C-alpha cells in the first residue's frame, strides 16, 4: 500500500502533463504518481512515463470511467486527485493531504470558486454553470460545499473503497460531493488558486452537453438520496392539480346538484390517486435508503478494520 497516491486522469494532455508530474513530485516527494491515460491520441502516456509516473490505461472513454478504475486498483493511506491540465497548483497538495491524515477528513475539496476561478476562467457559461450547480446542491441537500465541480480533491482510503462510481463522464465530481453529503462523511475545504489552461491546451468539457448531464445527475441523485422529498414534491404538485380542477366541478354540483363535467371529475380522481401513490412510494424508498445507510456504516467499519489489520 502506498503512503500517498497522486491520481491524474488524462486525455490528450501532452502539453502540460510533464510539468504537472514534476510539480507534484516536488510538493509530495513521498507520493507515488499514477497517470491513467484515457485513449489519448497524442504523446501523453509516453511523456508521463518519462517524467517518472506510473502509467496505466482505461479504454472506456470518460472521466468517471477512469476514476472508477483508479479507485479499484490503487491502495493508499491517502489520495490526491488532480487534472493533468496544470490548472491546479500542486503546492496545495500537502495541506489537503494533511487534513486527510491528521484530521481524518474523508474528502478535501480544492475550492477554486472562493479565489481566482471567476477571473482566470474566460468561459462565462462555465462560471454560471458552476455557480448554479453549487447553489442547487447546497439548497437541495442543505449543505455548504464551496466548490462542487472541482477536479482537485483529496480522499481517505475509506472514501475511495466505499464510493460507488456510477457516472461515466465529468459529472463524477457532482456524484462524489452528493455521496459525501448524504453519508455524513467528513468534508473539508481548502481554498486554492486556479489558473486557466496554458496556450495549446484545450478543455475537454463541453459547456452545454456536459452541463446538461451534470444537472440531470443532480436530479437523479436527489431522487435516489432524498426520495421522500422528491416524490413528496411530485405528490404535492399532483394533488394541487387535482384539487384545482375539482373545485369548479364540486362548486357546480353544490349549486345545481349536477355534474356537467363528469370526465374532469374522473380525471381528478385518477390524478389524486397518482399523488397518493407518489407519496407512499417516497415513504417506502426512504425506508430503503435508511437501510442502505446502515449497511454503508457497517461497510465503513469493515474497511477500517481491514485497513488496520
Foldseek 3Di string as FASTA:
>chain_A
DAAEEEEEEDAQQVVFQLVVLVQLCVQCVRYAYEYEYAPHPDCNQVSNVVSPHHYHYDPQDAPLSRLLVVLVPDAHQKYKYAYRQPFFGNNCVVVQRCCCVPVVAAKEAAAAPVDCCVPADPDVLVVVLQVVLQVVCCVLLVDNDRGQQHRTMMGGNLLSNLQDRDDGHSLRSNSSVLVCSLLVGGYHYDYGHTHDGDPPDDDPDDSPPVSVVNVVVVLVVSCQRQVLVNLLVVLVVLLVVLCVLVVVQVVVCVVPVDRPCVVSNVVSVVSNVSSVVSNVVSVVSVVVNVVVSVVSVVVSVVVVVVVVD
